[in-house]
Protein backbone atom coordinates (compact mmCIF):
# COMPACT_ATOMS: atom_id res chain seq x y z
CA MET A 1 0.16 0.09 0.05
CA MET A 2 2.93 2.39 1.13
CA ARG A 3 4.37 1.67 -2.17
CA ARG A 4 1.49 2.26 -4.41
CA ALA A 5 0.91 5.60 -2.45
CA LEU A 6 4.46 6.69 -3.14
CA ALA A 7 4.00 5.61 -6.90
CA ILE A 8 0.95 7.94 -7.17
CA LEU A 9 2.87 10.67 -5.47
CA ALA A 10 5.65 10.56 -7.90
CA VAL A 11 3.34 10.66 -10.83
CA LEU A 12 1.63 13.63 -9.50
CA LEU A 13 4.78 15.59 -8.76
CA LEU A 14 6.00 14.90 -12.34
CA ALA A 15 2.87 15.84 -13.79
CA ALA A 16 2.97 18.96 -11.71
CA ILE A 17 6.61 19.45 -12.86
CA ALA A 18 5.72 19.24 -16.43
CA TRP A 19 2.62 21.33 -16.00
CA ALA A 20 4.62 24.13 -14.46
CA ALA A 21 7.45 23.71 -16.65
CA ALA A 22 5.12 24.50 -19.69
CA ALA A 23 4.83 27.81 -18.22
CA TRP A 24 8.25 28.69 -18.03
CA PRO A 25 9.22 29.59 -21.49
CA ARG A 26 5.68 31.61 -21.84
CA ALA A 27 7.94 34.63 -23.10
CA GLU A 28 7.99 36.81 -26.32
CA PHE A 29 10.54 39.46 -27.19
CA ILE A 30 10.11 42.29 -29.08
CA PRO A 31 13.26 44.00 -29.98
CA SER A 32 13.89 47.96 -29.58
CA ARG A 33 13.74 49.96 -32.72
CA SER A 34 17.37 50.97 -32.32
CA PRO A 35 19.55 52.22 -29.05
CA GLN A 36 18.60 55.59 -29.78
CA ALA A 37 15.03 54.52 -28.23
CA TRP A 38 16.32 54.43 -24.98
CA ALA A 39 19.17 56.71 -25.14
CA PRO A 40 19.38 59.53 -22.57
CA THR A 41 17.66 62.30 -24.78
CA SER A 42 15.61 65.03 -23.32
CA GLN A 43 12.62 63.60 -25.21
CA ASN A 44 13.14 60.08 -23.75
CA ILE A 45 13.66 61.24 -20.19
CA ALA A 46 10.54 63.43 -20.34
CA ARG A 47 8.39 60.80 -21.77
CA GLY A 48 9.90 58.15 -19.43
CA ALA A 49 8.73 60.38 -16.50
CA TYR A 50 5.30 60.81 -17.52
CA LEU A 51 4.97 57.31 -18.18
CA ALA A 52 6.56 56.62 -14.45
CA ARG A 53 3.61 58.80 -13.31
CA ALA A 54 0.92 57.32 -15.46
CA GLY A 55 1.83 53.76 -13.62
CA ASP A 56 2.53 55.06 -10.29
CA CYS A 57 5.71 53.23 -10.10
CA ILE A 58 6.72 55.19 -6.88
CA GLY A 59 3.76 53.98 -5.18
CA CYS A 60 5.50 50.43 -4.68
CA HIS A 61 9.02 51.07 -5.19
CA THR A 62 9.32 53.70 -2.40
CA ALA A 63 9.54 52.75 1.30
CA ARG A 64 7.81 55.18 3.69
CA GLY A 65 10.32 58.22 4.34
CA GLY A 66 12.86 56.33 2.16
CA ALA A 67 14.71 57.48 -0.96
CA ALA A 68 12.37 57.72 -4.07
CA TYR A 69 12.18 54.44 -6.46
CA ALA A 70 15.07 52.88 -3.90
CA GLY A 71 12.47 50.03 -2.83
CA GLY A 72 11.70 48.59 0.42
CA ARG A 73 8.26 49.14 0.55
CA ALA A 74 6.01 46.11 2.08
CA LEU A 75 3.53 44.71 0.07
CA ASP A 76 1.45 42.53 2.37
CA THR A 77 -0.44 39.81 0.47
CA PRO A 78 -2.52 36.59 1.58
CA PHE A 79 0.48 34.34 0.60
CA GLY A 80 3.28 36.55 2.84
CA ARG A 81 4.83 39.69 2.53
CA LEU A 82 6.72 41.06 -0.36
CA TYR A 83 8.91 44.03 -0.86
CA GLY A 84 9.30 46.71 -3.92
CA PRO A 85 12.81 46.28 -5.45
CA ASN A 86 15.29 49.05 -6.09
CA LEU A 87 14.71 50.88 -9.14
CA THR A 88 17.56 53.27 -9.23
CA PRO A 89 20.77 52.53 -11.29
CA ASP A 90 22.82 51.46 -8.42
CA MET A 91 25.18 48.85 -10.01
CA ALA A 92 25.28 46.56 -7.21
CA THR A 93 21.35 46.99 -5.64
CA GLY A 94 19.56 48.52 -8.34
CA LEU A 95 19.21 48.26 -12.26
CA GLY A 96 22.55 49.64 -12.97
CA ALA A 97 23.64 46.35 -14.35
CA TRP A 98 20.30 45.90 -16.43
CA SER A 99 20.15 46.28 -20.14
CA ALA A 100 16.95 47.70 -22.16
CA ASP A 101 16.22 44.04 -23.09
CA ASP A 102 16.36 43.15 -19.34
CA PHE A 103 13.91 45.67 -18.62
CA TRP A 104 11.56 44.93 -21.16
CA ASN A 105 11.71 41.35 -20.33
CA ALA A 106 10.68 42.14 -16.66
CA LEU A 107 7.87 44.52 -17.74
CA HIS A 108 6.61 42.47 -20.37
CA ASN A 109 7.23 38.85 -19.50
CA GLY A 110 7.81 39.29 -15.78
CA ILE A 111 11.20 37.58 -15.82
CA GLY A 112 14.06 39.19 -13.90
CA ARG A 113 17.70 39.64 -15.28
CA ASP A 114 18.91 36.42 -13.50
CA GLY A 115 16.04 34.40 -15.24
CA ARG A 116 13.99 33.70 -12.33
CA LEU A 117 10.09 34.51 -12.54
CA LEU A 118 8.88 37.48 -10.70
CA TYR A 119 6.01 37.67 -8.32
CA PRO A 120 2.68 39.08 -9.75
CA ALA A 121 2.55 41.78 -6.92
CA PHE A 122 4.70 43.41 -9.68
CA PRO A 123 1.52 43.77 -12.05
CA TYR A 124 3.17 42.33 -15.35
CA THR A 125 0.10 40.99 -16.26
CA HIS A 126 -0.90 44.56 -17.11
CA THR A 127 2.48 46.20 -18.11
CA THR A 128 3.03 43.37 -20.56
CA ARG A 129 0.57 45.53 -22.65
CA VAL A 130 3.39 48.32 -22.60
CA PRO A 131 4.77 48.80 -26.13
CA ARG A 132 8.49 48.56 -26.51
CA ASP A 133 9.10 52.26 -27.14
CA ASP A 134 7.21 53.03 -23.86
CA ALA A 135 9.44 50.41 -22.03
CA ASP A 136 12.60 52.04 -23.46
CA ALA A 137 11.66 55.52 -22.52
CA LEU A 138 10.76 54.39 -19.20
CA TYR A 139 14.13 52.73 -18.88
CA ALA A 140 16.07 55.86 -20.45
CA TRP A 141 14.37 57.80 -17.47
CA LEU A 142 15.08 55.53 -14.50
CA ARG A 143 18.83 55.60 -15.60
CA THR A 144 18.77 59.23 -14.80
CA LEU A 145 17.64 58.74 -11.29
CA ALA A 146 20.57 59.38 -8.82
CA PRO A 147 21.88 55.67 -7.54
CA VAL A 148 20.87 54.55 -4.33
CA HIS A 149 22.89 51.72 -2.84
CA GLN A 150 20.03 49.87 -0.90
CA PRO A 151 19.98 46.11 -0.88
CA ASN A 152 16.50 44.45 -1.95
CA ARG A 153 14.90 42.93 1.02
CA PRO A 154 14.01 39.18 0.61
CA HIS A 155 10.49 38.34 0.38
CA ALA A 156 8.75 36.64 3.23
CA LEU A 157 6.38 34.06 1.31
CA ARG A 158 4.90 30.94 3.03
CA PHE A 159 5.54 27.74 1.36
CA PRO A 160 4.64 26.82 -1.39
CA TYR A 161 4.06 30.21 -2.70
CA ASP A 162 7.89 30.86 -1.99
CA SER A 163 8.83 28.48 -4.91
CA GLN A 164 9.59 29.15 -8.72
CA LEU A 165 7.63 25.80 -9.59
CA ALA A 166 4.27 27.06 -7.95
CA LEU A 167 4.98 30.44 -9.68
CA ALA A 168 5.20 28.73 -12.71
CA GLY A 169 2.11 27.02 -12.34
CA TRP A 170 0.22 30.38 -11.55
CA ARG A 171 1.51 32.03 -14.53
CA LEU A 172 0.34 28.75 -16.72
CA LEU A 173 -3.25 29.59 -15.47
CA TYR A 174 -3.21 33.48 -15.25
CA PHE A 175 -0.64 34.90 -17.57
CA ARG A 176 -0.33 35.70 -21.31
CA PRO A 177 2.17 38.14 -22.29
CA GLY A 178 0.84 40.51 -25.14
CA VAL A 179 1.28 44.22 -26.10
CA HIS A 180 -1.71 46.38 -26.19
CA ALA A 181 -3.49 46.32 -29.59
CA ASP A 182 -5.83 49.24 -30.67
CA ASP A 183 -9.37 48.06 -31.34
CA GLN A 184 -9.88 49.77 -35.00
CA SER A 185 -13.38 50.05 -34.57
CA ARG A 186 -12.96 52.48 -31.68
CA PRO A 187 -11.74 56.16 -31.81
CA PRO A 188 -7.97 56.94 -30.95
CA GLU A 189 -9.21 58.54 -27.69
CA TRP A 190 -10.84 55.49 -26.48
CA ASN A 191 -7.94 52.95 -27.38
CA ARG A 192 -5.60 55.52 -25.38
CA GLY A 193 -7.87 55.38 -22.27
CA ALA A 194 -7.99 51.54 -22.55
CA TYR A 195 -4.05 51.29 -22.87
CA LEU A 196 -3.75 53.73 -19.68
CA VAL A 197 -6.45 51.83 -17.63
CA GLU A 198 -5.85 48.16 -18.47
CA GLY A 199 -2.40 48.66 -19.27
CA LEU A 200 0.16 51.07 -17.66
CA GLY A 201 -2.33 52.28 -15.04
CA HIS A 202 -3.26 48.51 -14.10
CA CYS A 203 -6.70 49.64 -12.56
CA SER A 204 -8.04 46.27 -12.27
CA ALA A 205 -5.36 45.28 -10.07
CA CYS A 206 -7.48 46.64 -7.18
CA HIS A 207 -10.68 46.97 -8.66
CA SER A 208 -11.36 43.35 -9.38
CA THR A 209 -12.20 40.29 -7.36
CA ARG A 210 -9.28 37.66 -6.79
CA ASN A 211 -9.53 33.98 -6.09
CA LEU A 212 -7.94 31.98 -3.44
CA LEU A 213 -4.63 31.55 -5.76
CA GLY A 214 -4.65 35.38 -6.34
CA GLY A 215 -5.98 35.18 -9.96
CA SER A 216 -8.00 38.30 -11.25
CA GLY A 217 -11.11 37.83 -12.53
CA GLY A 218 -10.56 40.69 -14.81
CA GLY A 219 -12.62 43.40 -15.65
CA LEU A 220 -13.39 46.43 -13.20
CA SER A 221 -16.15 44.59 -11.09
CA GLY A 222 -14.74 45.63 -7.80
CA GLY A 223 -13.16 43.77 -5.07
CA LEU A 224 -11.57 43.53 -1.59
CA ILE A 225 -7.88 44.56 -1.67
CA PRO A 226 -6.45 41.80 0.21
CA VAL A 227 -4.99 42.21 3.56
CA SER A 228 -5.17 46.21 3.24
CA GLY A 229 -8.76 45.99 4.23
CA TRP A 230 -10.29 48.63 1.75
CA TYR A 231 -12.79 47.80 -0.95
CA ALA A 232 -12.17 49.02 -4.29
CA PRO A 233 -15.53 49.57 -5.85
CA SER A 234 -16.97 48.37 -9.15
CA LEU A 235 -16.55 51.00 -11.75
CA THR A 236 -19.30 49.25 -14.04
CA SER A 237 -22.16 48.41 -11.32
CA SER A 238 -24.93 50.71 -10.91
CA ARG A 239 -25.24 49.90 -7.04
CA GLU A 240 -21.40 50.95 -6.72
CA ALA A 241 -19.17 53.69 -8.63
CA GLY A 242 -21.13 53.05 -11.78
CA LEU A 243 -19.09 55.45 -14.07
CA GLY A 244 -21.08 54.73 -16.82
CA GLN A 245 -23.73 57.01 -15.46
CA TRP A 246 -21.27 59.81 -14.80
CA GLU A 247 -20.48 62.72 -16.96
CA VAL A 248 -17.15 62.54 -18.55
CA PRO A 249 -16.16 65.92 -17.07
CA HIS A 250 -16.96 64.72 -13.53
CA ILE A 251 -14.73 61.66 -14.04
CA VAL A 252 -12.01 63.87 -15.13
CA GLN A 253 -12.54 65.96 -12.19
CA LEU A 254 -12.18 63.10 -9.88
CA LEU A 255 -9.37 61.74 -11.38
CA ARG A 256 -7.21 65.14 -11.35
CA THR A 257 -8.44 66.50 -8.10
CA GLY A 258 -9.66 63.54 -5.95
CA VAL A 259 -13.19 65.25 -5.51
CA SER A 260 -16.06 65.70 -7.75
CA PRO A 261 -19.91 66.61 -7.49
CA GLN A 262 -20.27 62.62 -6.80
CA GLY A 263 -18.06 62.19 -4.12
CA ALA A 264 -14.33 62.13 -3.12
CA VAL A 265 -11.62 59.50 -3.10
CA PHE A 266 -10.25 57.97 0.04
CA GLY A 267 -7.59 55.12 1.19
CA PRO A 268 -5.37 53.91 -1.46
CA MET A 269 -7.10 55.65 -4.26
CA ALA A 270 -5.97 58.75 -2.70
CA GLU A 271 -2.69 57.86 -2.88
CA VAL A 272 -3.11 57.03 -6.59
CA VAL A 273 -4.73 60.45 -7.38
CA GLY A 274 -1.95 62.44 -5.51
CA GLN A 275 1.06 60.51 -6.84
CA SER A 276 -0.14 59.80 -10.45
CA LEU A 277 -3.31 60.76 -11.81
CA GLN A 278 -3.21 64.26 -10.85
CA HIS A 279 0.07 64.78 -12.95
CA LEU A 280 -1.49 63.22 -15.93
CA SER A 281 -2.54 65.56 -19.28
CA GLU A 282 -5.94 66.60 -19.86
CA PRO A 283 -6.38 64.60 -23.06
CA ASP A 284 -5.32 61.49 -21.18
CA LEU A 285 -7.38 61.73 -18.15
CA ARG A 286 -10.36 62.54 -20.78
CA ALA A 287 -9.29 59.23 -22.38
CA MET A 288 -9.43 57.47 -19.52
CA ALA A 289 -12.80 58.91 -18.58
CA VAL A 290 -14.22 58.20 -22.11
CA TYR A 291 -13.16 54.50 -21.69
CA LEU A 292 -14.24 54.01 -18.35
CA LYS A 293 -17.81 55.46 -19.22
CA SER A 294 -18.09 53.20 -22.22
CA LEU A 295 -17.68 49.96 -20.20
CA PRO A 296 -20.95 48.02 -20.15
CA THR A 297 -22.80 48.97 -17.06
CA THR A 298 -24.55 46.07 -14.92
CA GLN A 299 -27.98 47.17 -13.66
CA GLU A 300 -28.20 45.99 -10.23
CA PRO A 301 -30.91 47.16 -8.18
CA LEU A 302 -30.27 47.22 -4.23
CA PRO A 303 -31.48 43.89 -2.83
CA PRO A 304 -34.36 44.33 -0.16
CA ALA A 305 -32.52 44.94 3.24
CA ALA A 306 -34.05 44.85 6.70
CA PRO A 307 -33.70 48.05 8.26
CA PRO A 308 -31.49 48.14 11.35
CA ASN A 309 -33.41 47.74 14.66
CA GLU A 310 -34.93 50.59 16.38
CA ALA A 311 -32.06 50.61 18.99
CA VAL A 312 -29.30 50.66 16.87
CA MET A 313 -31.11 53.73 14.47
CA LYS A 314 -31.74 55.78 17.79
CA LEU A 315 -28.48 55.41 19.09
CA GLY A 316 -26.71 56.23 15.57
CA SER A 317 -29.08 59.11 15.12
CA GLN A 318 -27.91 60.66 18.42
CA LEU A 319 -24.21 59.99 17.56
CA TYR A 320 -24.55 61.58 13.96
CA ASP A 321 -26.44 64.77 15.44
CA LYS A 322 -23.38 65.16 17.79
CA HIS A 323 -20.50 64.26 15.77
CA CYS A 324 -21.44 64.27 12.01
CA ALA A 325 -24.35 66.84 11.49
CA ASP A 326 -22.42 70.05 11.55
CA CYS A 327 -20.43 69.03 8.41
CA HIS A 328 -22.54 66.60 6.63
CA GLY A 329 -25.83 68.33 7.40
CA ALA A 330 -29.02 67.19 9.53
CA ASP A 331 -30.58 65.99 6.13
CA GLY A 332 -27.33 64.39 4.92
CA ARG A 333 -26.60 66.49 1.93
CA GLY A 334 -23.33 67.54 2.72
CA MET A 335 -21.78 70.93 2.26
CA ALA A 336 -20.36 72.58 -1.12
CA THR A 337 -18.16 75.70 -1.58
CA GLY A 338 -19.54 78.77 -0.04
CA GLY A 339 -21.42 76.82 3.05
CA SER A 340 -24.35 75.93 0.61
CA THR A 341 -25.70 72.34 1.15
CA GLY A 342 -25.65 69.91 -1.81
CA SER A 343 -23.52 69.89 -4.69
CA GLY A 344 -25.24 71.77 -7.69
CA ALA A 345 -23.85 72.86 -10.93
CA GLY A 346 -20.41 74.69 -10.55
CA SER A 347 -20.09 73.81 -6.73
CA ARG A 348 -17.19 71.75 -5.15
CA ALA A 349 -18.11 69.47 -2.48
CA VAL A 350 -16.44 70.23 0.67
CA TYR A 351 -18.07 67.55 2.75
CA PRO A 352 -19.71 64.90 0.68
CA PRO A 353 -23.24 64.23 0.66
CA LEU A 354 -24.13 61.13 2.60
CA ALA A 355 -27.77 61.03 1.38
CA GLY A 356 -27.91 59.00 -1.87
CA ASN A 357 -24.14 57.98 -1.45
CA ARG A 358 -23.46 54.80 -3.15
CA ALA A 359 -20.31 54.48 -1.41
CA LEU A 360 -22.20 54.11 1.77
CA THR A 361 -24.66 51.48 0.73
CA MET A 362 -22.55 48.86 -1.18
CA ALA A 363 -23.02 45.46 0.38
CA GLU A 364 -19.50 45.52 1.70
CA PRO A 365 -19.48 48.36 4.43
CA VAL A 366 -15.61 48.22 5.09
CA ASN A 367 -14.87 51.69 3.64
CA ALA A 368 -17.37 53.56 5.66
CA ILE A 369 -16.10 51.79 8.72
CA ARG A 370 -12.58 52.51 8.14
CA ILE A 371 -13.44 56.23 7.33
CA VAL A 372 -15.31 56.63 10.65
CA LEU A 373 -12.51 54.82 12.57
CA SER A 374 -9.66 56.16 11.23
CA GLY A 375 -10.73 59.27 9.23
CA GLY A 376 -9.94 60.39 5.96
CA PHE A 377 -8.64 63.01 3.69
CA PRO A 378 -8.91 63.15 -0.05
CA PRO A 379 -5.32 64.12 -1.68
CA SER A 380 -4.08 67.32 -1.63
CA THR A 381 -3.90 68.31 -5.35
CA ALA A 382 -3.17 70.96 -7.61
CA GLY A 383 -6.90 71.42 -8.01
CA ASN A 384 -7.89 70.87 -4.43
CA PRO A 385 -4.75 72.04 -2.50
CA GLN A 386 -6.40 72.05 1.03
CA PRO A 387 -8.94 69.37 0.97
CA TYR A 388 -11.23 69.17 3.76
CA GLY A 389 -11.16 65.88 5.52
CA MET A 390 -12.66 63.83 8.53
CA PRO A 391 -11.00 63.09 11.89
CA PRO A 392 -10.73 59.70 13.13
CA PHE A 393 -13.36 58.67 15.71
CA SER A 394 -11.81 55.47 16.85
CA PRO A 395 -10.84 57.07 20.26
CA VAL A 396 -14.19 58.33 20.76
CA LEU A 397 -16.49 55.59 19.74
CA ASN A 398 -16.47 52.07 20.82
CA ASP A 399 -17.34 49.23 18.27
CA ALA A 400 -21.11 49.27 18.93
CA GLU A 401 -21.28 52.90 18.68
CA ALA A 402 -19.37 53.24 15.33
CA ALA A 403 -21.42 50.33 14.15
CA ALA A 404 -24.55 52.39 15.22
CA VAL A 405 -23.46 55.62 13.35
CA VAL A 406 -22.54 53.54 10.36
CA SER A 407 -25.91 51.73 10.21
CA TYR A 408 -27.74 55.11 10.61
CA VAL A 409 -26.21 56.59 7.71
CA ARG A 410 -26.51 53.45 5.37
CA ALA A 411 -30.51 53.30 6.10
CA SER A 412 -31.47 57.05 6.24
CA TRP A 413 -32.43 59.88 3.76
CA GLY A 414 -33.48 57.23 1.16
CA ASN A 415 -30.28 55.09 1.64
CA ALA A 416 -31.07 51.33 2.19
CA ALA A 417 -28.35 48.87 3.21
CA PRO A 418 -27.77 46.10 5.82
CA GLU A 419 -27.03 46.83 9.37
CA VAL A 420 -23.33 46.73 10.44
CA THR A 421 -22.37 44.83 13.68
CA ALA A 422 -19.80 45.83 16.36
CA ALA A 423 -18.02 42.48 15.15
CA GLN A 424 -17.52 44.02 11.66
CA VAL A 425 -16.18 47.39 13.21
CA ASN A 426 -13.89 45.27 15.46
CA ARG A 427 -12.28 43.61 12.39
CA TYR A 428 -10.86 46.64 10.85
CA ARG A 429 -10.27 48.71 14.07
CA ALA A 430 -6.75 47.64 14.11
CA VAL A 431 -6.12 47.37 10.66
CA PRO A 432 -3.44 50.21 9.50
CA LEU A 433 -4.41 52.68 6.90
CA ASP A 434 -1.46 51.74 4.63
């Protein structure tokens, strides 16, 4: 019996090795037009710097308080912790010894200079769409950074996720290299937006659901960001962000400033707007808005939700009147510029309306809980340099009180969403903002 079990195990192991090995050579090479494409010309450097902004490369490759692009930022995943590598041109610890082809291979194929497969926390499933000319410009710009000697920290992943064999199997399931190709039936503006959203900007890295193996369901249908404890809303569902129902100028305004008549960004999206999107050109922001608005909208009516019990609503109302009404209004309509309520034409939301706010009524209440507990500020941007924010209430409210006030705003002024429990609040009380 033991010999038979060992034989079966050996067959399964060989099958697994063969299966994973099939993924290893899954790579393609596109040569550069010429060495001039990645030469340190002023044009290449300016283009590369802009593309780095568009891809928010600094977000994962800069530790808190550390040198820009020198790596070291921790990226927590359900499989363990990874660290963003050093992108500065230091010969020993950065990309100083990398060629333009090496850089392309990492960006397009997810393979490092040493031939090792890279973990998809580096979003090569999206950057594979970046054309060679853009990759070369990025490389040219990275070569101009000041070299920082900072060794890369080793990843801390659990077995078997720390093995190249497991990673090869993952790639077989979830990765196909391929450069972005324009849809000839669509106008250039739409295609530019598709490239920025689906490729360089890798929006679905957050705005899509991931399965137990970390594979993305694709699309922009929303999902809970693993470990960080934020929910990236669906950009297509009428129950969530539903950008198909927005006006293009309002989408552009949100991407550029972090605020719009429909609401404001908080959490990880505030960082994206502050570090990346606000620096993009108006045509590129409009292209992204046009693409996002064109995506098929899923009409999902709110499911019937039993209102919170009377005691919860009473407590929530009292807490709202005490802590929230001065800014958000007794009627939940918020406050716009000039002290007026609501967000009429030409106004800018100072304190966002809660009445009819779909960010509050999503089935997943985590964002509302986290903002009540930890506070939140839209990013400081050129278009909104002094954003109004919300202070943290975790020192003031216990779990039951925080649950009551969140439940109250989710079920008032025409809102309808399930009651939030003290246990749900407690789950996120200790989760850091980053």
